[in-house]
């Protein structure tokens, strides 16, 4: 998965094997530490972890830029952080 060259610093988190809802909590903790507009890439197990985190991020106002699910057992979400206004 490629990110735009002019993108702010990207942060990565590997949450494969982390159960729900801990995976979303860990993503949220990372998002709290990065600046608005930052890209965060998260590897999650397919199924409930991927679906739950993606829905929760959207509900919080963050942008799911891409979902790369070319691997058979996990997917990689690219997320752009947005502040709640």
PDB file of N, CA and C in Angstrom:
ATOM      1  N   UNK A   1       0.851  -1.168   0.000  1.00  0.00           N
ATOM      2  CA  UNK A   1       0.000   0.000   0.000  1.00  0.00           C
ATOM      3  C   UNK A   1       0.894   1.226   0.000  1.00  0.00           C
ATOM      4  N   UNK A   2       0.635   2.156  -0.879  1.00  0.00           N
ATOM      5  CA  UNK A   2       1.479   3.344  -0.957  1.00  0.00           C
ATOM      6  C   UNK A   2       0.739   4.546  -0.403  1.00  0.00           C
ATOM      7  N   UNK A   3       1.507   5.440   0.194  1.00  0.00           N
ATOM      8  CA  UNK A   3       0.956   6.663   0.747  1.00  0.00           C
ATOM      9  C   UNK A   3       1.454   7.832  -0.088  1.00  0.00           C
ATOM     10  N   UNK A   4       0.694   8.920  -0.163  1.00  0.00           N
ATOM     11  CA  UNK A   4       1.137  10.069  -0.930  1.00  0.00           C
ATOM     12  C   UNK A   4       2.470  10.586  -0.420  1.00  0.00           C
ATOM     13  N   UNK A   5       3.304  11.065  -1.334  1.00  0.00           N
ATOM     14  CA  UNK A   5       4.628  11.556  -0.948  1.00  0.00           C
ATOM     15  C   UNK A   5       4.554  12.772  -0.039  1.00  0.00           C
ATOM     16  N   UNK A   6       3.508  13.568  -0.169  1.00  0.00           N
ATOM     17  CA  UNK A   6       3.393  14.779   0.637  1.00  0.00           C
ATOM     18  C   UNK A   6       2.624  14.540   1.938  1.00  0.00           C
ATOM     19  N   UNK A   7       2.407  13.278   2.295  1.00  0.00           N
ATOM     20  CA  UNK A   7       1.645  12.957   3.503  1.00  0.00           C
ATOM     21  C   UNK A   7       2.461  13.289   4.748  1.00  0.00           C
ATOM     22  N   UNK A   8       1.770  13.719   5.835  1.00  0.00           N
ATOM     23  CA  UNK A   8       2.481  13.900   7.105  1.00  0.00           C
ATOM     24  C   UNK A   8       3.069  12.550   7.533  1.00  0.00           C
ATOM     25  N   UNK A   9       3.918  12.588   8.510  1.00  0.00           N
ATOM     26  CA  UNK A   9       4.568  11.367   8.990  1.00  0.00           C
ATOM     27  C   UNK A   9       3.546  10.263   9.243  1.00  0.00           C
ATOM     28  N   UNK A  10       3.855   9.073   8.787  1.00  0.00           N
ATOM     29  CA  UNK A  10       2.964   7.929   8.985  1.00  0.00           C
ATOM     30  C   UNK A  10       3.410   7.145  10.213  1.00  0.00           C
ATOM     31  N   UNK A  11       2.451   6.619  10.936  1.00  0.00           N
ATOM     32  CA  UNK A  11       2.696   5.810  12.125  1.00  0.00           C
ATOM     33  C   UNK A  11       2.097   4.438  11.867  1.00  0.00           C
ATOM     34  N   UNK A  12       2.728   3.391  12.398  1.00  0.00           N
ATOM     35  CA  UNK A  12       2.244   2.034  12.164  1.00  0.00           C
ATOM     36  C   UNK A  12       2.030   1.308  13.476  1.00  0.00           C
ATOM     37  N   UNK A  13       1.043   0.399  13.444  1.00  0.00           N
ATOM     38  CA  UNK A  13       0.694  -0.388  14.613  1.00  0.00           C
ATOM     39  C   UNK A  13       0.271  -1.763  14.140  1.00  0.00           C
ATOM     40  N   UNK A  14       0.855  -2.800  14.701  1.00  0.00           N
ATOM     41  CA  UNK A  14       0.504  -4.178  14.338  1.00  0.00           C
ATOM     42  C   UNK A  14      -0.333  -4.775  15.456  1.00  0.00           C
ATOM     43  N   UNK A  15      -1.621  -4.988  15.184  1.00  0.00           N
ATOM     44  CA  UNK A  15      -2.540  -5.507  16.187  1.00  0.00           C
ATOM     45  C   UNK A  15      -3.064  -6.894  15.831  1.00  0.00           C
ATOM     46  N   UNK A  16      -2.322  -7.603  14.994  1.00  0.00           N
ATOM     47  CA  UNK A  16      -2.742  -8.968  14.675  1.00  0.00           C
ATOM     48  C   UNK A  16      -2.714  -9.795  15.954  1.00  0.00           C
ATOM     49  N   UNK A  17      -3.805 -10.530  16.198  1.00  0.00           N
ATOM     50  CA  UNK A  17      -3.907 -11.371  17.384  1.00  0.00           C
ATOM     51  C   UNK A  17      -4.454 -10.659  18.607  1.00  0.00           C
ATOM     52  N   UNK A  18      -4.676  -9.350  18.530  1.00  0.00           N
ATOM     53  CA  UNK A  18      -5.228  -8.590  19.656  1.00  0.00           C
ATOM     54  C   UNK A  18      -6.747  -8.678  19.596  1.00  0.00           C
ATOM     55  N   UNK A  19      -7.399  -9.083  20.703  1.00  0.00           N
ATOM     56  CA  UNK A  19      -8.853  -9.257  20.684  1.00  0.00           C
ATOM     57  C   UNK A  19      -9.612  -7.932  20.766  1.00  0.00           C
ATOM     58  N   UNK A  20     -10.860  -7.962  20.310  1.00  0.00           N
ATOM     59  CA  UNK A  20     -11.766  -6.823  20.453  1.00  0.00           C
ATOM     60  C   UNK A  20     -12.139  -6.720  21.925  1.00  0.00           C
ATOM     61  N   UNK A  21     -12.348  -5.586  22.480  1.00  0.00           N
ATOM     62  CA  UNK A  21     -12.232  -4.240  21.941  1.00  0.00           C
ATOM     63  C   UNK A  21     -10.851  -3.620  22.181  1.00  0.00           C
ATOM     64  N   UNK A  22      -9.895  -4.421  22.647  1.00  0.00           N
ATOM     65  CA  UNK A  22      -8.565  -3.869  22.931  1.00  0.00           C
ATOM     66  C   UNK A  22      -7.903  -3.277  21.696  1.00  0.00           C
ATOM     67  N   UNK A  23      -8.177  -3.848  20.519  1.00  0.00           N
ATOM     68  CA  UNK A  23      -7.533  -3.319  19.316  1.00  0.00           C
ATOM     69  C   UNK A  23      -7.970  -1.879  19.050  1.00  0.00           C
ATOM     70  N   UNK A  24      -9.241  -1.566  19.222  1.00  0.00           N
ATOM     71  CA  UNK A  24      -9.675  -0.183  19.006  1.00  0.00           C
ATOM     72  C   UNK A  24      -9.096   0.737  20.075  1.00  0.00           C
ATOM     73  N   UNK A  25      -9.033   0.270  21.310  1.00  0.00           N
ATOM     74  CA  UNK A  25      -8.455   1.081  22.394  1.00  0.00           C
ATOM     75  C   UNK A  25      -7.012   1.439  22.057  1.00  0.00           C
ATOM     76  N   UNK A  26      -6.247   0.494  21.545  1.00  0.00           N
ATOM     77  CA  UNK A  26      -4.842   0.743  21.199  1.00  0.00           C
ATOM     78  C   UNK A  26      -4.725   1.721  20.023  1.00  0.00           C
ATOM     79  N   UNK A  27      -5.626   1.595  19.046  1.00  0.00           N
ATOM     80  CA  UNK A  27      -5.624   2.544  17.922  1.00  0.00           C
ATOM     81  C   UNK A  27      -5.950   3.940  18.438  1.00  0.00           C
ATOM     82  N   UNK A  28      -6.939   4.042  19.293  1.00  0.00           N
ATOM     83  CA  UNK A  28      -7.345   5.338  19.832  1.00  0.00           C
ATOM     84  C   UNK A  28      -6.216   5.978  20.635  1.00  0.00           C
ATOM     85  N   UNK A  29      -5.495   5.193  21.423  1.00  0.00           N
ATOM     86  CA  UNK A  29      -4.369   5.728  22.191  1.00  0.00           C
ATOM     87  C   UNK A  29      -3.285   6.285  21.264  1.00  0.00           C
ATOM     88  N   UNK A  30      -3.019   5.595  20.161  1.00  0.00           N
ATOM     89  CA  UNK A  30      -2.036   6.098  19.199  1.00  0.00           C
ATOM     90  C   UNK A  30      -2.537   7.377  18.534  1.00  0.00           C
ATOM     91  N   UNK A  31      -3.800   7.393  18.134  1.00  0.00           N
ATOM     92  CA  UNK A  31      -4.359   8.584  17.491  1.00  0.00           C
ATOM     93  C   UNK A  31      -4.309   9.796  18.415  1.00  0.00           C
ATOM     94  N   UNK A  32      -4.460   9.572  19.715  1.00  0.00           N
ATOM     95  CA  UNK A  32      -4.387  10.675  20.680  1.00  0.00           C
ATOM     96  C   UNK A  32      -2.997  11.300  20.720  1.00  0.00           C
ATOM     97  N   UNK A  33      -1.974  10.567  20.293  1.00  0.00           N
ATOM     98  CA  UNK A  33      -0.593  11.044  20.372  1.00  0.00           C
ATOM     99  C   UNK A  33      -0.094  11.715  19.094  1.00  0.00           C
ATOM    100  N   UNK A  34      -0.832  11.587  17.995  1.00  0.00           N
ATOM    101  CA  UNK A  34      -0.350  12.120  16.724  1.00  0.00           C
ATOM    102  C   UNK A  34      -1.114  13.389  16.352  1.00  0.00           C
ATOM    103  N   UNK A  35      -0.523  14.179  15.468  1.00  0.00           N
ATOM    104  CA  UNK A  35      -1.128  15.444  15.055  1.00  0.00           C
ATOM    105  C   UNK A  35      -2.264  15.209  14.052  1.00  0.00           C
ATOM    106  N   UNK A  36      -3.145  16.184  13.960  1.00  0.00           N
ATOM    107  CA  UNK A  36      -4.219  16.125  12.961  1.00  0.00           C
ATOM    108  C   UNK A  36      -3.623  15.982  11.567  1.00  0.00           C
ATOM    109  N   UNK A  37      -4.239  15.159  10.772  1.00  0.00           N
ATOM    110  CA  UNK A  37      -3.779  14.950   9.409  1.00  0.00           C
ATOM    111  C   UNK A  37      -2.759  13.834   9.285  1.00  0.00           C
ATOM    112  N   UNK A  38      -2.258  13.341  10.410  1.00  0.00           N
ATOM    113  CA  UNK A  38      -1.271  12.258  10.366  1.00  0.00           C
ATOM    114  C   UNK A  38      -1.909  10.987   9.837  1.00  0.00           C
ATOM    115  N   UNK A  39      -1.099  10.188   9.164  1.00  0.00           N
ATOM    116  CA  UNK A  39      -1.554   8.899   8.680  1.00  0.00           C
ATOM    117  C   UNK A  39      -1.108   7.816   9.649  1.00  0.00           C
ATOM    118  N   UNK A  40      -2.029   6.920   9.962  1.00  0.00           N
ATOM    119  CA  UNK A  40      -1.746   5.793  10.835  1.00  0.00           C
ATOM    120  C   UNK A  40      -2.114   4.537  10.073  1.00  0.00           C
ATOM    121  N   UNK A  41      -1.184   3.606  10.009  1.00  0.00           N
ATOM    122  CA  UNK A  41      -1.462   2.324   9.360  1.00  0.00           C
ATOM    123  C   UNK A  41      -1.527   1.250  10.438  1.00  0.00           C
ATOM    124  N   UNK A  42      -2.609   0.473  10.401  1.00  0.00           N
ATOM    125  CA  UNK A  42      -2.848  -0.531  11.423  1.00  0.00           C
ATOM    126  C   UNK A  42      -3.114  -1.874  10.761  1.00  0.00           C
ATOM    127  N   UNK A  43      -2.389  -2.899  11.200  1.00  0.00           N
ATOM    128  CA  UNK A  43      -2.649  -4.264  10.735  1.00  0.00           C
ATOM    129  C   UNK A  43      -3.564  -4.939  11.741  1.00  0.00           C
ATOM    130  N   UNK A  44      -4.686  -5.462  11.212  1.00  0.00           N
ATOM    131  CA  UNK A  44      -5.713  -6.096  12.047  1.00  0.00           C
ATOM    132  C   UNK A  44      -6.120  -7.428  11.439  1.00  0.00           C
ATOM    133  N   UNK A  45      -6.521  -8.347  12.305  1.00  0.00           N
ATOM    134  CA  UNK A  45      -7.071  -9.605  11.818  1.00  0.00           C
ATOM    135  C   UNK A  45      -8.357  -9.320  11.054  1.00  0.00           C
ATOM    136  N   UNK A  46      -8.612 -10.105  10.011  1.00  0.00           N
ATOM    137  CA  UNK A  46      -9.850  -9.960   9.244  1.00  0.00           C
ATOM    138  C   UNK A  46     -11.039 -10.377  10.096  1.00  0.00           C
ATOM    139  N   UNK A  47     -12.214  -9.956   9.695  1.00  0.00           N
ATOM    140  CA  UNK A  47     -13.438 -10.308  10.411  1.00  0.00           C
ATOM    141  C   UNK A  47     -13.814  -9.222  11.402  1.00  0.00           C
ATOM    142  N   UNK A  48     -14.246  -9.636  12.595  1.00  0.00           N
ATOM    143  CA  UNK A  48     -14.741  -8.701  13.594  1.00  0.00           C
ATOM    144  C   UNK A  48     -13.736  -7.605  13.969  1.00  0.00           C
ATOM    145  N   UNK A  49     -12.443  -7.923  14.190  1.00  0.00           N
ATOM    146  CA  UNK A  49     -11.519  -6.831  14.533  1.00  0.00           C
ATOM    147  C   UNK A  49     -11.479  -5.741  13.458  1.00  0.00           C
ATOM    148  N   UNK A  50     -11.365  -6.126  12.212  1.00  0.00           N
ATOM    149  CA  UNK A  50     -11.324  -5.156  11.121  1.00  0.00           C
ATOM    150  C   UNK A  50     -12.620  -4.359  11.044  1.00  0.00           C
ATOM    151  N   UNK A  51     -13.742  -5.045  11.048  1.00  0.00           N
ATOM    152  CA  UNK A  51     -15.039  -4.372  10.930  1.00  0.00           C
ATOM    153  C   UNK A  51     -15.303  -3.421  12.088  1.00  0.00           C
ATOM    154  N   UNK A  52     -15.032  -3.874  13.314  1.00  0.00           N
ATOM    155  CA  UNK A  52     -15.305  -3.056  14.500  1.00  0.00           C
ATOM    156  C   UNK A  52     -14.438  -1.808  14.547  1.00  0.00           C
ATOM    157  N   UNK A  53     -13.148  -1.968  14.280  1.00  0.00           N
ATOM    158  CA  UNK A  53     -12.246  -0.823  14.334  1.00  0.00           C
ATOM    159  C   UNK A  53     -12.602   0.184  13.236  1.00  0.00           C
ATOM    160  N   UNK A  54     -12.870  -0.306  12.042  1.00  0.00           N
ATOM    161  CA  UNK A  54     -13.217   0.590  10.929  1.00  0.00           C
ATOM    162  C   UNK A  54     -14.479   1.389  11.261  1.00  0.00           C
ATOM    163  N   UNK A  55     -15.504   0.738  11.773  1.00  0.00           N
ATOM    164  CA  UNK A  55     -16.753   1.434  12.111  1.00  0.00           C
ATOM    165  C   UNK A  55     -16.544   2.428  13.251  1.00  0.00           C
ATOM    166  N   UNK A  56     -15.781   2.041  14.254  1.00  0.00           N
ATOM    167  CA  UNK A  56     -15.533   2.930  15.398  1.00  0.00           C
ATOM    168  C   UNK A  56     -14.739   4.157  14.981  1.00  0.00           C
ATOM    169  N   UNK A  57     -13.763   3.975  14.094  1.00  0.00           N
ATOM    170  CA  UNK A  57     -12.978   5.114  13.615  1.00  0.00           C
ATOM    171  C   UNK A  57     -13.854   6.104  12.869  1.00  0.00           C
ATOM    172  N   UNK A  58     -14.697   5.612  12.005  1.00  0.00           N
ATOM    173  CA  UNK A  58     -15.597   6.497  11.255  1.00  0.00           C
ATOM    174  C   UNK A  58     -16.549   7.224  12.190  1.00  0.00           C
ATOM    175  N   UNK A  59     -17.055   6.518  13.206  1.00  0.00           N
ATOM    176  CA  UNK A  59     -17.960   7.138  14.169  1.00  0.00           C
ATOM    177  C   UNK A  59     -17.265   8.250  14.945  1.00  0.00           C
ATOM    178  N   UNK A  60     -15.962   8.138  15.132  1.00  0.00           N
ATOM    179  CA  UNK A  60     -15.181   9.146  15.851  1.00  0.00           C
ATOM    180  C   UNK A  60     -14.762  10.302  14.942  1.00  0.00           C
ATOM    181  N   UNK A  61     -15.035  10.196  13.638  1.00  0.00           N
ATOM    182  CA  UNK A  61     -14.727  11.284  12.723  1.00  0.00           C
ATOM    183  C   UNK A  61     -13.407  11.162  11.994  1.00  0.00           C
ATOM    184  N   UNK A  62     -12.734  10.024  12.145  1.00  0.00           N
ATOM    185  CA  UNK A  62     -11.474   9.811  11.429  1.00  0.00           C
ATOM    186  C   UNK A  62     -11.785   9.252  10.041  1.00  0.00           C
ATOM    187  N   UNK A  63     -10.858   9.427   9.130  1.00  0.00           N
ATOM    188  CA  UNK A  63     -11.046   8.985   7.752  1.00  0.00           C
ATOM    189  C   UNK A  63     -10.290   7.684   7.502  1.00  0.00           C
ATOM    190  N   UNK A  64     -11.009   6.657   7.068  1.00  0.00           N
ATOM    191  CA  UNK A  64     -10.360   5.428   6.637  1.00  0.00           C
ATOM    192  C   UNK A  64     -10.001   5.646   5.170  1.00  0.00           C
ATOM    193  N   UNK A  65      -8.721   5.883   4.917  1.00  0.00           N
ATOM    194  CA  UNK A  65      -8.235   6.236   3.597  1.00  0.00           C
ATOM    195  C   UNK A  65      -8.196   5.021   2.680  1.00  0.00           C
ATOM    196  N   UNK A  66      -7.768   3.886   3.212  1.00  0.00           N
ATOM    197  CA  UNK A  66      -7.644   2.673   2.402  1.00  0.00           C
ATOM    198  C   UNK A  66      -7.698   1.446   3.288  1.00  0.00           C
ATOM    199  N   UNK A  67      -8.149   0.361   2.674  1.00  0.00           N
ATOM    200  CA  UNK A  67      -8.122  -0.951   3.320  1.00  0.00           C
ATOM    201  C   UNK A  67      -7.425  -1.892   2.354  1.00  0.00           C
ATOM    202  N   UNK A  68      -6.289  -2.405   2.790  1.00  0.00           N
ATOM    203  CA  UNK A  68      -5.537  -3.350   1.970  1.00  0.00           C
ATOM    204  C   UNK A  68      -5.731  -4.735   2.574  1.00  0.00           C
ATOM    205  N   UNK A  69      -6.495  -5.557   1.879  1.00  0.00           N
ATOM    206  CA  UNK A  69      -6.762  -6.898   2.390  1.00  0.00           C
ATOM    207  C   UNK A  69      -6.203  -7.970   1.453  1.00  0.00           C
ATOM    208  N   UNK A  70      -5.006  -7.712   0.944  1.00  0.00           N
ATOM    209  CA  UNK A  70      -4.388  -8.678   0.041  1.00  0.00           C
ATOM    210  C   UNK A  70      -3.828  -9.883   0.792  1.00  0.00           C
ATOM    211  N   UNK A  71      -3.560  -9.733   2.083  1.00  0.00           N
ATOM    212  CA  UNK A  71      -3.116 -10.872   2.885  1.00  0.00           C
ATOM    213  C   UNK A  71      -4.336 -11.708   3.251  1.00  0.00           C
ATOM    214  N   UNK A  72      -4.156 -12.995   3.406  1.00  0.00           N
ATOM    215  CA  UNK A  72      -5.308 -13.864   3.653  1.00  0.00           C
ATOM    216  C   UNK A  72      -5.837 -13.792   5.079  1.00  0.00           C
ATOM    217  N   UNK A  73      -4.997 -13.495   6.048  1.00  0.00           N
ATOM    218  CA  UNK A  73      -5.456 -13.546   7.433  1.00  0.00           C
ATOM    219  C   UNK A  73      -5.590 -12.177   8.103  1.00  0.00           C
ATOM    220  N   UNK A  74      -5.098 -11.130   7.465  1.00  0.00           N
ATOM    221  CA  UNK A  74      -5.195  -9.811   8.073  1.00  0.00           C
ATOM    222  C   UNK A  74      -5.331  -8.737   6.995  1.00  0.00           C
ATOM    223  N   UNK A  75      -5.709  -7.536   7.447  1.00  0.00           N
ATOM    224  CA  UNK A  75      -5.830  -6.385   6.555  1.00  0.00           C
ATOM    225  C   UNK A  75      -5.066  -5.222   7.167  1.00  0.00           C
ATOM    226  N   UNK A  76      -4.746  -4.251   6.335  1.00  0.00           N
ATOM    227  CA  UNK A  76      -4.058  -3.052   6.795  1.00  0.00           C
ATOM    228  C   UNK A  76      -4.952  -1.847   6.507  1.00  0.00           C
ATOM    229  N   UNK A  77      -5.308  -1.131   7.567  1.00  0.00           N
ATOM    230  CA  UNK A  77      -6.105   0.091   7.437  1.00  0.00           C
ATOM    231  C   UNK A  77      -5.167   1.289   7.395  1.00  0.00           C
ATOM    232  N   UNK A  78      -5.409   2.194   6.488  1.00  0.00           N
ATOM    233  CA  UNK A  78      -4.724   3.484   6.490  1.00  0.00           C
ATOM    234  C   UNK A  78      -5.743   4.510   6.962  1.00  0.00           C
ATOM    235  N   UNK A  79      -5.400   5.197   8.020  1.00  0.00           N
ATOM    236  CA  UNK A  79      -6.328   6.105   8.698  1.00  0.00           C
ATOM    237  C   UNK A  79      -5.716   7.501   8.725  1.00  0.00           C
ATOM    238  N   UNK A  80      -6.519   8.505   8.433  1.00  0.00           N
ATOM    239  CA  UNK A  80      -6.083   9.893   8.596  1.00  0.00           C
ATOM    240  C   UNK A  80      -6.802  10.447   9.819  1.00  0.00           C
ATOM    241  N   UNK A  81      -6.006  10.940  10.768  1.00  0.00           N
ATOM    242  CA  UNK A  81      -6.579  11.460  11.996  1.00  0.00           C
ATOM    243  C   UNK A  81      -7.256  12.802  11.746  1.00  0.00           C
ATOM    244  N   UNK A  82      -8.439  12.955  12.301  1.00  0.00           N
ATOM    245  CA  UNK A  82      -9.163  14.224  12.279  1.00  0.00           C
ATOM    246  C   UNK A  82      -9.642  14.517  13.691  1.00  0.00           C
ATOM    247  N   UNK A  83      -9.547  15.754  14.101  1.00  0.00           N
ATOM    248  CA  UNK A  83     -10.058  16.146  15.421  1.00  0.00           C
ATOM    249  C   UNK A  83     -11.560  16.290  15.355  1.00  0.00           C
ATOM    250  N   UNK A  84     -12.171  15.989  16.457  1.00  0.00           N
ATOM    251  CA  UNK A  84     -13.606  16.249  16.553  1.00  0.00           C
ATOM    252  C   UNK A  84     -13.793  17.728  16.774  1.00  0.00           C
ATOM    253  N   UNK A  85     -14.714  18.283  16.090  1.00  0.00           N
ATOM    254  CA  UNK A  85     -14.961  19.720  16.227  1.00  0.00           C
ATOM    255  C   UNK A  85     -16.254  19.952  16.945  1.00  0.00           C
TER     256      UNK A  85
END
